[in-house]
């Protein structure tokens, strides 16, 4: 089935949002089909994290529409969006330090295709460290744990905020391999906010570039990856 004929997993229309009286996002509109994958790129401070936070319900919503599986959700509470099938991997991971790796995973579990066995197959390191505390594993392993925990909720849409930031190259390679597998094999729509633009473009189908709270580019990831000068101009421009 072509993406044009697929149901929308996520769509935003003329969204304005921010924090308190401060507006960060202005007139943001885009649509992501079911099983689609989207990279959100741009310099620090352009509103990428705020965009994910707005989809989850963590910001002050001012106007516009947010639809998940074609139902409006902008007035829903955070827990309602989570229950409906939106998974969120925040930039700071929020691993529970006093719980074991396995307890971190099972505390968020809902019935569905993702279970401990599948998460451990995706991230074998977590299986090796399942009895370690959340504060006894490396930063890369904590990132795997944060993604695994989100998957244990069996989402339809997965939002990830800077999952590759600050990690060793070997861990980045492992996470990229896992992301490619998720996007190609699972019935999951993925939104990936990432500073490492070229890496994000390698694993997604479409890309948005943001500047000052607005979308300034939308197109195929592979086309942008094949044009490094255009990519640099878009991402680095003030």
Foldseek 3Di string as FASTA:
>chain_A
DDQVPAQWQKWWAQWWWAADPDTQAGGATDTAGFLAEEEEAADPRNCPLVVVCQLLQNTGTDDTFMDGSRHTPNPPHNVVSLLVFEFEQDPVLPQDQAQFLQCSQVVQADDDDQDPVVLCVLPVVCVVRRRHGCVPDDPLVSLSSSVNSSCRNVGSEYEYEASPPPDDPVSSVSVLVSLLCCSVPPRHYYYYYHHVLLSSLVRGQKYFYGGRNYTDDIDGSVVCNVPVVVVCCRHVPD
